[in-house]
Amino acid sequence: MGFDTVFQFEIPYWHPLAVHFPLVLLSLATATAGAYALRGTAVWRIATVLLLLLGAPTAYWAAETGETLEEAVEGEPMVDQLVEYHEAAAHWTVRVSGLALLVALGATLWWRRWQKTHVVADAGGVPQREPWGLRLAVLVPVLLAAALVAYTGHVGGIMVWGVPG
């Protein structure tokens, strides 16, 4: 089987591709937010912001492509049972990932402003760790967004691959 065979077919819906982006990006954002919470250094906060800048919009994209796919799969018993849960979870994922992005951006802006008026390095010039409250404020919504995207993906996976057990 070669490229000729592969290119004879098309995938008419973007949703199966789109769902992987927020799952990966929000999971990675959770890892970097966890590293930020433990280390308290700017590199991990900035990495979290960058991953959320990609993850939140792709969560929206996945939700929108799901709306298109929903019309095509109406009448499938497994889909009919779970589509409302999946859709609600997807919308919560979009909201919470957007909130996580806003919190991380706000934390970054606040910290930069605070640094201008306070000493943030020790006598040797080594930067101090960023405050625990700031680290936790970034971590908590990212954890929630990752949990939601995982749940959303799990329900979607059941709709596609689930068998009654």
N, C-alpha and C. Protein backbone atom coordinates (compact mmCIF):
# COMPACT_ATOMS: atom_id res chain seq x y z
N MET A 1 0.86 -1.18 0.00
CA MET A 1 0.00 0.00 0.00
C MET A 1 0.90 1.23 0.00
N GLY A 2 0.66 2.13 -0.91
CA GLY A 2 1.49 3.32 -1.02
C GLY A 2 0.67 4.58 -0.84
N PHE A 3 1.31 5.68 -1.19
CA PHE A 3 0.65 6.97 -1.06
C PHE A 3 -0.60 7.06 -1.92
N ASP A 4 -0.59 6.41 -3.06
CA ASP A 4 -1.76 6.45 -3.94
C ASP A 4 -3.00 5.95 -3.21
N THR A 5 -2.84 4.86 -2.49
CA THR A 5 -3.97 4.30 -1.75
C THR A 5 -4.42 5.24 -0.64
N VAL A 6 -3.46 5.79 0.09
CA VAL A 6 -3.79 6.69 1.19
C VAL A 6 -4.54 7.92 0.69
N PHE A 7 -4.11 8.47 -0.42
CA PHE A 7 -4.71 9.70 -0.92
C PHE A 7 -6.01 9.48 -1.69
N GLN A 8 -6.48 8.25 -1.77
CA GLN A 8 -7.79 7.98 -2.35
C GLN A 8 -8.91 8.31 -1.36
N PHE A 9 -8.54 8.50 -0.10
CA PHE A 9 -9.53 8.72 0.94
C PHE A 9 -9.34 10.10 1.55
N GLU A 10 -10.38 10.58 2.19
CA GLU A 10 -10.29 11.84 2.92
C GLU A 10 -11.01 11.70 4.24
N ILE A 11 -10.64 12.54 5.18
CA ILE A 11 -11.33 12.59 6.46
C ILE A 11 -12.19 13.86 6.42
N PRO A 12 -13.50 13.72 6.40
CA PRO A 12 -14.36 14.88 6.17
C PRO A 12 -14.51 15.81 7.38
N TYR A 13 -14.04 15.40 8.54
CA TYR A 13 -14.21 16.21 9.75
C TYR A 13 -12.86 16.42 10.43
N TRP A 14 -12.66 17.63 10.93
CA TRP A 14 -11.41 17.99 11.58
C TRP A 14 -11.34 17.55 13.04
N HIS A 15 -12.46 17.22 13.62
CA HIS A 15 -12.50 16.94 15.06
C HIS A 15 -11.51 15.85 15.50
N PRO A 16 -11.40 14.73 14.80
CA PRO A 16 -10.44 13.71 15.26
C PRO A 16 -9.00 14.21 15.33
N LEU A 17 -8.65 15.17 14.50
CA LEU A 17 -7.32 15.77 14.56
C LEU A 17 -7.28 16.85 15.65
N ALA A 18 -8.28 17.70 15.67
CA ALA A 18 -8.28 18.86 16.56
C ALA A 18 -8.20 18.49 18.04
N VAL A 19 -8.82 17.39 18.43
CA VAL A 19 -8.89 17.05 19.86
C VAL A 19 -7.53 16.75 20.47
N HIS A 20 -6.57 16.37 19.66
CA HIS A 20 -5.26 16.01 20.21
C HIS A 20 -4.47 17.23 20.67
N PHE A 21 -4.68 18.37 20.05
CA PHE A 21 -3.91 19.55 20.40
C PHE A 21 -4.17 20.04 21.82
N PRO A 22 -5.42 20.29 22.22
CA PRO A 22 -5.60 20.75 23.61
C PRO A 22 -5.21 19.69 24.63
N LEU A 23 -5.42 18.43 24.31
CA LEU A 23 -5.04 17.37 25.25
C LEU A 23 -3.54 17.41 25.52
N VAL A 24 -2.75 17.50 24.48
CA VAL A 24 -1.30 17.53 24.65
C VAL A 24 -0.84 18.86 25.25
N LEU A 25 -1.32 19.97 24.71
CA LEU A 25 -0.84 21.27 25.16
C LEU A 25 -1.24 21.58 26.60
N LEU A 26 -2.47 21.26 26.98
CA LEU A 26 -2.88 21.52 28.36
C LEU A 26 -2.22 20.56 29.34
N SER A 27 -1.93 19.35 28.90
CA SER A 27 -1.18 18.41 29.75
C SER A 27 0.25 18.91 29.95
N LEU A 28 0.88 19.38 28.89
CA LEU A 28 2.22 19.94 29.03
C LEU A 28 2.21 21.20 29.89
N ALA A 29 1.17 22.02 29.75
CA ALA A 29 1.05 23.21 30.59
C ALA A 29 0.95 22.83 32.06
N THR A 30 0.30 21.72 32.35
CA THR A 30 0.22 21.24 33.72
C THR A 30 1.60 20.86 34.24
N ALA A 31 2.37 20.20 33.40
CA ALA A 31 3.73 19.82 33.81
C ALA A 31 4.59 21.06 34.08
N THR A 32 4.51 22.06 33.20
CA THR A 32 5.32 23.26 33.41
C THR A 32 4.80 24.08 34.58
N ALA A 33 3.49 24.10 34.79
CA ALA A 33 2.94 24.81 35.95
C ALA A 33 3.36 24.11 37.24
N GLY A 34 3.43 22.78 37.21
CA GLY A 34 3.92 22.04 38.37
C GLY A 34 5.38 22.36 38.65
N ALA A 35 6.19 22.42 37.59
CA ALA A 35 7.60 22.78 37.75
C ALA A 35 7.72 24.21 38.27
N TYR A 36 6.86 25.10 37.79
CA TYR A 36 6.86 26.47 38.29
C TYR A 36 6.50 26.52 39.77
N ALA A 37 5.50 25.74 40.16
CA ALA A 37 5.11 25.71 41.58
C ALA A 37 6.26 25.22 42.45
N LEU A 38 7.00 24.24 41.97
CA LEU A 38 8.11 23.69 42.75
C LEU A 38 9.36 24.57 42.71
N ARG A 39 9.69 25.07 41.54
CA ARG A 39 10.94 25.82 41.37
C ARG A 39 10.79 27.31 41.60
N GLY A 40 9.63 27.85 41.23
CA GLY A 40 9.39 29.28 41.44
C GLY A 40 10.20 30.19 40.55
N THR A 41 10.59 29.70 39.37
CA THR A 41 11.40 30.52 38.47
C THR A 41 10.59 30.92 37.24
N ALA A 42 10.99 32.05 36.68
CA ALA A 42 10.24 32.64 35.57
C ALA A 42 10.18 31.74 34.34
N VAL A 43 11.22 30.96 34.10
CA VAL A 43 11.24 30.15 32.88
C VAL A 43 10.05 29.19 32.85
N TRP A 44 9.67 28.63 34.00
CA TRP A 44 8.55 27.69 34.03
C TRP A 44 7.22 28.43 33.92
N ARG A 45 7.12 29.62 34.49
CA ARG A 45 5.90 30.41 34.35
C ARG A 45 5.70 30.81 32.89
N ILE A 46 6.77 31.25 32.25
CA ILE A 46 6.68 31.67 30.85
C ILE A 46 6.35 30.48 29.95
N ALA A 47 6.95 29.33 30.23
CA ALA A 47 6.62 28.12 29.46
C ALA A 47 5.14 27.78 29.61
N THR A 48 4.62 27.94 30.81
CA THR A 48 3.20 27.67 31.05
C THR A 48 2.33 28.64 30.25
N VAL A 49 2.69 29.91 30.27
CA VAL A 49 1.93 30.91 29.50
C VAL A 49 1.94 30.56 28.01
N LEU A 50 3.10 30.22 27.48
CA LEU A 50 3.19 29.89 26.05
C LEU A 50 2.35 28.67 25.69
N LEU A 51 2.38 27.65 26.53
CA LEU A 51 1.57 26.46 26.26
C LEU A 51 0.08 26.77 26.37
N LEU A 52 -0.29 27.63 27.30
CA LEU A 52 -1.70 28.03 27.42
C LEU A 52 -2.13 28.91 26.25
N LEU A 53 -1.21 29.73 25.74
CA LEU A 53 -1.52 30.55 24.56
C LEU A 53 -1.86 29.67 23.36
N LEU A 54 -1.31 28.48 23.32
CA LEU A 54 -1.63 27.53 22.26
C LEU A 54 -2.79 26.61 22.66
N GLY A 55 -2.81 26.20 23.92
CA GLY A 55 -3.79 25.21 24.38
C GLY A 55 -5.21 25.74 24.46
N ALA A 56 -5.39 26.96 24.96
CA ALA A 56 -6.75 27.49 25.11
C ALA A 56 -7.45 27.68 23.75
N PRO A 57 -6.80 28.29 22.76
CA PRO A 57 -7.47 28.40 21.45
C PRO A 57 -7.73 27.05 20.78
N THR A 58 -6.83 26.09 20.98
CA THR A 58 -7.07 24.79 20.35
C THR A 58 -8.19 24.04 21.06
N ALA A 59 -8.42 24.33 22.34
CA ALA A 59 -9.58 23.75 23.02
C ALA A 59 -10.87 24.29 22.38
N TYR A 60 -10.86 25.58 22.08
CA TYR A 60 -12.01 26.18 21.40
C TYR A 60 -12.20 25.55 20.01
N TRP A 61 -11.10 25.40 19.27
CA TRP A 61 -11.14 24.80 17.94
C TRP A 61 -11.71 23.38 18.01
N ALA A 62 -11.26 22.61 18.97
CA ALA A 62 -11.75 21.23 19.12
C ALA A 62 -13.25 21.23 19.41
N ALA A 63 -13.69 22.14 20.28
CA ALA A 63 -15.12 22.20 20.61
C ALA A 63 -15.94 22.58 19.38
N GLU A 64 -15.46 23.53 18.62
CA GLU A 64 -16.19 23.95 17.42
C GLU A 64 -16.24 22.85 16.36
N THR A 65 -15.15 22.15 16.17
CA THR A 65 -15.17 21.06 15.19
C THR A 65 -16.06 19.91 15.67
N GLY A 66 -16.19 19.78 16.97
CA GLY A 66 -17.10 18.77 17.52
C GLY A 66 -18.55 19.09 17.21
N GLU A 67 -18.89 20.37 17.21
CA GLU A 67 -20.26 20.77 16.86
C GLU A 67 -20.60 20.33 15.44
N THR A 68 -19.65 20.48 14.53
CA THR A 68 -19.86 20.07 13.14
C THR A 68 -20.02 18.55 13.04
N LEU A 69 -19.18 17.84 13.75
CA LEU A 69 -19.23 16.38 13.69
C LEU A 69 -20.50 15.83 14.33
N GLU A 70 -21.01 16.52 15.34
CA GLU A 70 -22.20 16.04 16.06
C GLU A 70 -23.37 15.78 15.11
N GLU A 71 -23.57 16.68 14.18
CA GLU A 71 -24.69 16.53 13.24
C GLU A 71 -24.54 15.27 12.38
N ALA A 72 -23.31 14.89 12.09
CA ALA A 72 -23.07 13.74 11.21
C ALA A 72 -23.24 12.41 11.92
N VAL A 73 -23.14 12.40 13.24
CA VAL A 73 -23.18 11.12 13.96
C VAL A 73 -24.45 10.95 14.78
N GLU A 74 -25.41 11.83 14.59
CA GLU A 74 -26.69 11.68 15.29
C GLU A 74 -27.30 10.33 14.93
N GLY A 75 -27.89 9.69 15.92
CA GLY A 75 -28.51 8.39 15.69
C GLY A 75 -27.64 7.22 16.11
N GLU A 76 -26.36 7.47 16.35
CA GLU A 76 -25.48 6.42 16.87
C GLU A 76 -25.80 6.25 18.36
N PRO A 77 -26.15 5.05 18.81
CA PRO A 77 -26.59 4.87 20.19
C PRO A 77 -25.60 5.37 21.25
N MET A 78 -24.32 5.06 21.10
CA MET A 78 -23.34 5.48 22.10
C MET A 78 -23.20 7.00 22.11
N VAL A 79 -23.23 7.60 20.94
CA VAL A 79 -23.13 9.05 20.84
C VAL A 79 -24.35 9.70 21.47
N ASP A 80 -25.53 9.20 21.15
CA ASP A 80 -26.75 9.78 21.69
C ASP A 80 -26.77 9.74 23.22
N GLN A 81 -26.19 8.70 23.80
CA GLN A 81 -26.16 8.59 25.26
C GLN A 81 -25.21 9.59 25.90
N LEU A 82 -24.10 9.90 25.26
CA LEU A 82 -23.03 10.64 25.92
C LEU A 82 -22.73 12.02 25.35
N VAL A 83 -23.33 12.38 24.23
CA VAL A 83 -22.93 13.61 23.56
C VAL A 83 -23.16 14.85 24.43
N GLU A 84 -24.21 14.88 25.22
CA GLU A 84 -24.47 16.05 26.06
C GLU A 84 -23.38 16.22 27.13
N TYR A 85 -22.95 15.11 27.73
CA TYR A 85 -21.87 15.17 28.72
C TYR A 85 -20.57 15.63 28.07
N HIS A 86 -20.30 15.08 26.90
CA HIS A 86 -19.08 15.42 26.18
C HIS A 86 -19.07 16.90 25.79
N GLU A 87 -20.19 17.35 25.29
CA GLU A 87 -20.29 18.75 24.87
C GLU A 87 -20.15 19.70 26.05
N ALA A 88 -20.82 19.38 27.16
CA ALA A 88 -20.71 20.22 28.36
C ALA A 88 -19.28 20.25 28.88
N ALA A 89 -18.64 19.10 28.91
CA ALA A 89 -17.25 19.04 29.37
C ALA A 89 -16.34 19.84 28.45
N ALA A 90 -16.59 19.78 27.15
CA ALA A 90 -15.79 20.54 26.19
C ALA A 90 -15.94 22.04 26.43
N HIS A 91 -17.16 22.49 26.67
CA HIS A 91 -17.37 23.92 26.92
C HIS A 91 -16.71 24.36 28.23
N TRP A 92 -16.75 23.52 29.24
CA TRP A 92 -16.06 23.84 30.49
C TRP A 92 -14.55 23.86 30.29
N THR A 93 -14.06 22.97 29.46
CA THR A 93 -12.62 22.96 29.16
C THR A 93 -12.21 24.27 28.50
N VAL A 94 -13.00 24.74 27.56
CA VAL A 94 -12.70 26.00 26.88
C VAL A 94 -12.69 27.14 27.89
N ARG A 95 -13.70 27.21 28.74
CA ARG A 95 -13.79 28.29 29.73
C ARG A 95 -12.62 28.26 30.71
N VAL A 96 -12.35 27.10 31.25
CA VAL A 96 -11.32 27.00 32.28
C VAL A 96 -9.92 27.18 31.69
N SER A 97 -9.69 26.69 30.49
CA SER A 97 -8.37 26.91 29.87
C SER A 97 -8.18 28.39 29.55
N GLY A 98 -9.25 29.07 29.15
CA GLY A 98 -9.17 30.52 28.96
C GLY A 98 -8.91 31.24 30.26
N LEU A 99 -9.57 30.81 31.33
CA LEU A 99 -9.32 31.39 32.66
C LEU A 99 -7.88 31.15 33.08
N ALA A 100 -7.38 29.94 32.88
CA ALA A 100 -6.00 29.62 33.24
C ALA A 100 -5.03 30.53 32.49
N LEU A 101 -5.31 30.77 31.22
CA LEU A 101 -4.46 31.67 30.43
C LEU A 101 -4.50 33.08 30.99
N LEU A 102 -5.70 33.58 31.30
CA LEU A 102 -5.81 34.93 31.86
C LEU A 102 -5.10 35.05 33.19
N VAL A 103 -5.23 34.05 34.04
CA VAL A 103 -4.55 34.07 35.35
C VAL A 103 -3.04 34.06 35.16
N ALA A 104 -2.54 33.20 34.27
CA ALA A 104 -1.09 33.13 34.05
C ALA A 104 -0.55 34.43 33.46
N LEU A 105 -1.29 35.02 32.53
CA LEU A 105 -0.88 36.31 31.97
C LEU A 105 -0.93 37.40 33.04
N GLY A 106 -2.01 37.41 33.82
CA GLY A 106 -2.14 38.39 34.90
C GLY A 106 -1.03 38.24 35.93
N ALA A 107 -0.69 37.01 36.28
CA ALA A 107 0.39 36.77 37.24
C ALA A 107 1.71 37.29 36.69
N THR A 108 1.93 37.08 35.41
CA THR A 108 3.17 37.55 34.78
C THR A 108 3.24 39.07 34.79
N LEU A 109 2.15 39.72 34.42
CA LEU A 109 2.13 41.19 34.42
C LEU A 109 2.29 41.74 35.83
N TRP A 110 1.60 41.15 36.79
CA TRP A 110 1.70 41.62 38.18
C TRP A 110 3.13 41.46 38.69
N TRP A 111 3.73 40.30 38.44
CA TRP A 111 5.08 40.05 38.94
C TRP A 111 6.09 41.00 38.30
N ARG A 112 5.95 41.27 37.03
CA ARG A 112 6.87 42.21 36.37
C ARG A 112 6.73 43.61 36.97
N ARG A 113 5.53 44.02 37.24
CA ARG A 113 5.30 45.33 37.85
C ARG A 113 5.85 45.38 39.27
N TRP A 114 5.64 44.31 40.01
CA TRP A 114 6.09 44.24 41.40
C TRP A 114 7.61 44.27 41.46
N GLN A 115 8.28 43.62 40.53
CA GLN A 115 9.74 43.58 40.49
C GLN A 115 10.36 44.96 40.31
N LYS A 116 9.66 45.85 39.67
CA LYS A 116 10.20 47.19 39.42
C LYS A 116 10.35 48.00 40.70
N THR A 117 9.57 47.66 41.73
CA THR A 117 9.60 48.45 42.96
C THR A 117 10.15 47.68 44.16
N HIS A 118 10.58 46.45 43.97
CA HIS A 118 11.08 45.63 45.07
C HIS A 118 12.38 44.93 44.67
N VAL A 119 13.16 44.59 45.67
CA VAL A 119 14.38 43.83 45.44
C VAL A 119 14.00 42.36 45.31
N VAL A 120 14.38 41.75 44.21
CA VAL A 120 13.99 40.35 43.98
C VAL A 120 15.19 39.44 43.79
N ALA A 121 16.37 39.89 44.24
CA ALA A 121 17.57 39.06 44.16
C ALA A 121 18.32 39.16 45.48
N ASP A 122 19.10 38.14 45.80
CA ASP A 122 19.89 38.19 47.02
C ASP A 122 21.16 39.00 46.77
N ALA A 123 22.02 39.08 47.77
CA ALA A 123 23.22 39.91 47.67
C ALA A 123 24.13 39.47 46.52
N GLY A 124 24.09 38.20 46.17
CA GLY A 124 24.91 37.70 45.08
C GLY A 124 24.28 37.89 43.71
N GLY A 125 23.10 38.47 43.65
CA GLY A 125 22.42 38.70 42.37
C GLY A 125 21.57 37.55 41.90
N VAL A 126 21.44 36.51 42.72
CA VAL A 126 20.62 35.36 42.35
C VAL A 126 19.15 35.71 42.58
N PRO A 127 18.31 35.56 41.54
CA PRO A 127 16.89 35.91 41.72
C PRO A 127 16.22 35.04 42.79
N GLN A 128 15.38 35.69 43.58
CA GLN A 128 14.59 34.95 44.57
C GLN A 128 13.50 34.17 43.85
N ARG A 129 13.01 33.15 44.52
CA ARG A 129 11.87 32.42 43.97
C ARG A 129 10.65 33.33 44.00
N GLU A 130 9.79 33.11 43.04
CA GLU A 130 8.56 33.90 42.99
C GLU A 130 7.63 33.42 44.11
N PRO A 131 6.73 34.29 44.59
CA PRO A 131 5.91 33.97 45.76
C PRO A 131 5.04 32.71 45.57
N TRP A 132 4.86 31.97 46.67
CA TRP A 132 4.04 30.76 46.64
C TRP A 132 2.63 31.04 46.15
N GLY A 133 2.04 32.13 46.61
CA GLY A 133 0.68 32.46 46.20
C GLY A 133 0.56 32.63 44.70
N LEU A 134 1.56 33.26 44.11
CA LEU A 134 1.57 33.45 42.66
C LEU A 134 1.70 32.10 41.95
N ARG A 135 2.56 31.25 42.46
CA ARG A 135 2.76 29.93 41.85
C ARG A 135 1.50 29.08 41.93
N LEU A 136 0.85 29.11 43.07
CA LEU A 136 -0.38 28.32 43.22
C LEU A 136 -1.52 28.90 42.39
N ALA A 137 -1.56 30.23 42.28
CA ALA A 137 -2.60 30.86 41.46
C ALA A 137 -2.49 30.44 40.01
N VAL A 138 -1.28 30.20 39.54
CA VAL A 138 -1.07 29.72 38.17
C VAL A 138 -1.39 28.23 38.08
N LEU A 139 -0.96 27.46 39.06
CA LEU A 139 -1.08 26.01 39.00
C LEU A 139 -2.53 25.52 39.05
N VAL A 140 -3.33 26.05 39.94
CA VAL A 140 -4.67 25.49 40.19
C VAL A 140 -5.57 25.52 38.95
N PRO A 141 -5.73 26.65 38.26
CA PRO A 141 -6.60 26.61 37.07
C PRO A 141 -6.03 25.75 35.94
N VAL A 142 -4.71 25.65 35.85
CA VAL A 142 -4.12 24.79 34.82
C VAL A 142 -4.42 23.33 35.13
N LEU A 143 -4.31 22.95 36.40
CA LEU A 143 -4.66 21.58 36.79
C LEU A 143 -6.12 21.27 36.46
N LEU A 144 -6.99 22.21 36.75
CA LEU A 144 -8.41 22.01 36.48
C LEU A 144 -8.67 21.89 34.97
N ALA A 145 -8.01 22.73 34.18
CA ALA A 145 -8.17 22.65 32.72
C ALA A 145 -7.68 21.30 32.19
N ALA A 146 -6.57 20.82 32.73
CA ALA A 146 -6.05 19.52 32.28
C ALA A 146 -6.98 18.38 32.67
N ALA A 147 -7.54 18.46 33.87
CA ALA A 147 -8.49 17.43 34.30
C ALA A 147 -9.73 17.44 33.40
N LEU A 148 -10.20 18.63 33.06
CA LEU A 148 -11.38 18.74 32.21
C LEU A 148 -11.11 18.22 30.80
N VAL A 149 -9.96 18.56 30.24
CA VAL A 149 -9.67 18.09 28.88
C VAL A 149 -9.48 16.57 28.87
N ALA A 150 -8.93 16.03 29.94
CA ALA A 150 -8.78 14.57 30.02
C ALA A 150 -10.15 13.89 30.12
N TYR A 151 -11.03 14.46 30.94
CA TYR A 151 -12.38 13.91 31.07
C TYR A 151 -13.14 14.01 29.75
N THR A 152 -13.03 15.16 29.11
CA THR A 152 -13.69 15.37 27.82
C THR A 152 -13.19 14.34 26.80
N GLY A 153 -11.89 14.16 26.76
CA GLY A 153 -11.31 13.18 25.84
C GLY A 153 -11.73 11.76 26.17
N HIS A 154 -11.85 11.47 27.46
CA HIS A 154 -12.27 10.12 27.87
C HIS A 154 -13.70 9.84 27.39
N VAL A 155 -14.59 10.80 27.62
CA VAL A 155 -15.98 10.61 27.17
C VAL A 155 -16.03 10.50 25.65
N GLY A 156 -15.26 11.33 24.96
CA GLY A 156 -15.20 11.23 23.50
C GLY A 156 -14.67 9.89 23.05
N GLY A 157 -13.66 9.39 23.73
CA GLY A 157 -13.12 8.07 23.41
C GLY A 157 -14.13 6.96 23.61
N ILE A 158 -14.93 7.08 24.67
CA ILE A 158 -15.98 6.08 24.90
C ILE A 158 -17.01 6.13 23.77
N MET A 159 -17.35 7.35 23.32
CA MET A 159 -18.33 7.47 22.24
C MET A 159 -17.83 6.80 20.97
N VAL A 160 -16.53 6.84 20.72
CA VAL A 160 -15.98 6.25 19.50
C VAL A 160 -15.65 4.78 19.68
N TRP A 161 -15.00 4.44 20.79
CA TRP A 161 -14.45 3.10 20.95
C TRP A 161 -15.14 2.27 22.03
N GLY A 162 -16.04 2.87 22.79
CA GLY A 162 -16.63 2.17 23.93
C GLY A 162 -17.51 0.99 23.54
N VAL A 163 -17.43 -0.02 24.36
CA VAL A 163 -18.31 -1.18 24.21
C VAL A 163 -18.96 -1.42 25.56
N PRO A 164 -20.23 -1.79 25.57
CA PRO A 164 -20.90 -2.05 26.84
C PRO A 164 -20.16 -3.13 27.62
N GLY A 165 -19.97 -2.88 28.91
CA GLY A 165 -19.22 -3.84 29.71
C GLY A 165 -20.01 -4.32 30.81
